[in-house]
């Protein structure tokens, strides 16, 4: 999933995605402009396009995915 898909979301969805990603990155001490932050944004866009439109549901789905990703791909 690429950020090129961001334009296919409406303004409210884009705002929700960016707010959720900023909060997730802040809570997890990850820079939003780093590799993990970009991966988080891409996943949040994918989830929003798949129908996760509310901030709480998007945040929960994103957290689940990122925990699983961290388990599968541990980083130093």
Protein backbone atom coordinates (compact mmCIF):
# COMPACT_ATOMS: atom_id res chain seq x y z
CA UNK A 1 0.00 0.00 0.00
CA UNK A 2 1.37 3.37 -0.97
CA UNK A 3 0.64 6.87 0.20
CA UNK A 4 -0.36 7.47 -3.40
CA UNK A 5 -3.69 5.94 -2.35
CA UNK A 6 -4.26 8.77 0.13
CA UNK A 7 -6.07 10.95 -2.46
CA UNK A 8 -8.75 8.27 -2.82
CA UNK A 9 -9.81 8.97 0.79
CA UNK A 10 -12.05 11.92 1.63
CA UNK A 11 -10.78 14.79 3.79
CA UNK A 12 -12.33 13.45 7.00
CA UNK A 13 -10.75 10.03 6.46
CA UNK A 14 -7.35 11.61 5.76
CA UNK A 15 -7.64 13.63 8.96
CA UNK A 16 -8.57 10.51 10.93
CA UNK A 17 -5.68 8.52 9.45
CA UNK A 18 -3.08 11.20 10.14
CA UNK A 19 -4.36 11.81 13.67
CA UNK A 20 -4.31 8.09 14.52
CA UNK A 21 -0.83 7.62 13.04
CA UNK A 22 0.59 10.66 14.85
CA UNK A 23 -0.83 9.39 18.13
CA UNK A 24 0.44 5.84 17.55
CA UNK A 25 3.93 7.09 16.68
CA UNK A 26 4.00 9.37 19.71
CA UNK A 27 2.83 6.64 22.09
CA UNK A 28 5.39 4.20 20.67
CA UNK A 29 8.25 6.71 20.53
CA UNK A 30 8.63 6.31 16.78
CA UNK A 31 9.41 9.20 14.44
CA UNK A 32 6.58 9.60 11.96
CA UNK A 33 9.09 10.34 9.20
CA UNK A 34 11.16 7.21 9.89
CA UNK A 35 10.79 3.82 8.25
CA UNK A 36 8.43 2.48 10.92
CA UNK A 37 6.35 5.67 10.81
CA UNK A 38 6.00 5.40 7.03
CA UNK A 39 5.00 1.74 7.38
CA UNK A 40 2.44 2.75 10.00
CA UNK A 41 0.98 5.42 7.71
CA UNK A 42 0.77 3.00 4.78
CA UNK A 43 -1.01 0.42 6.91
CA UNK A 44 -3.42 3.02 8.30
CA UNK A 45 -4.29 4.12 4.76
CA UNK A 46 -4.85 0.50 3.76
CA UNK A 47 -7.11 -0.06 6.76
CA UNK A 48 -9.09 3.11 6.08
CA UNK A 49 -9.58 2.11 2.45
CA UNK A 50 -10.75 -1.31 3.67
CA UNK A 51 -13.48 0.33 5.75
CA UNK A 52 -11.97 1.22 9.14
CA UNK A 53 -13.35 4.76 9.28
CA UNK A 54 -13.77 5.56 12.98
CA UNK A 55 -10.67 6.70 14.87
CA UNK A 56 -11.03 4.19 17.75
CA UNK A 57 -11.54 1.24 15.41
CA UNK A 58 -8.72 2.36 13.12
CA UNK A 59 -6.38 2.84 16.09
CA UNK A 60 -7.18 -0.64 17.43
CA UNK A 61 -6.73 -2.32 14.04
CA UNK A 62 -3.50 -0.41 13.46
CA UNK A 63 -2.13 -1.35 16.88
CA UNK A 64 -2.93 -5.02 16.28
CA UNK A 65 -1.23 -4.96 12.90
CA UNK A 66 1.85 -3.15 14.17
CA UNK A 67 2.25 -5.54 17.12
CA UNK A 68 2.05 -8.47 14.73
CA UNK A 69 4.50 -6.78 12.36
CA UNK A 70 6.93 -6.18 15.23
CA UNK A 71 6.66 -9.85 16.22
CA UNK A 72 7.25 -11.04 12.65
CA UNK A 73 9.99 -8.50 11.89
CA UNK A 74 11.84 -7.62 15.09
CA UNK A 75 14.11 -4.63 14.80
CA UNK A 76 17.17 -3.81 16.86
